[in-house]
Amino acid sequence: MLLKFALEAKQAGLNRFGIAAIVERARWETSFTSRGDESFKISNDFRSHLARLLMQMDSTLEGFFELRELRSVTKALSEPIKPDQLTEPTITKFHLREKGGKPMLDSL
């Protein structure tokens, strides 16, 4: 759904667009077709990750969203993890990998 909305904005002739508008549209659209807890729910904390994921999923969206450096990635790449910091892994929708020295998002 998010990719579809991003491509629609791109095909409408927009050169740049905000991921927040796409996420809000998804919330709006699903609020009429779902009931209660089934509506589209995603934390705003993940919007920047979603923008990166959408651009990675479709190369025509490269540069469509304005990106800033991810503080969490910069910190994670600059500070080694100590064994006592490791905890039981949690399953998330996205994980990071490094490609050409640049952090990228992959979908699981």
Foldseek 3Di string as FASTA:
>chain_A
DLLVVLVVCVVVPQQADELVVSLVVQQVVQVVVDDDPVGDDDDPVCSLLVLLVSCVVPVVCVVRYDHDDDPVVVVPVVDDDDPVNDDDDDDDQWDWDADPNRIGIDGD
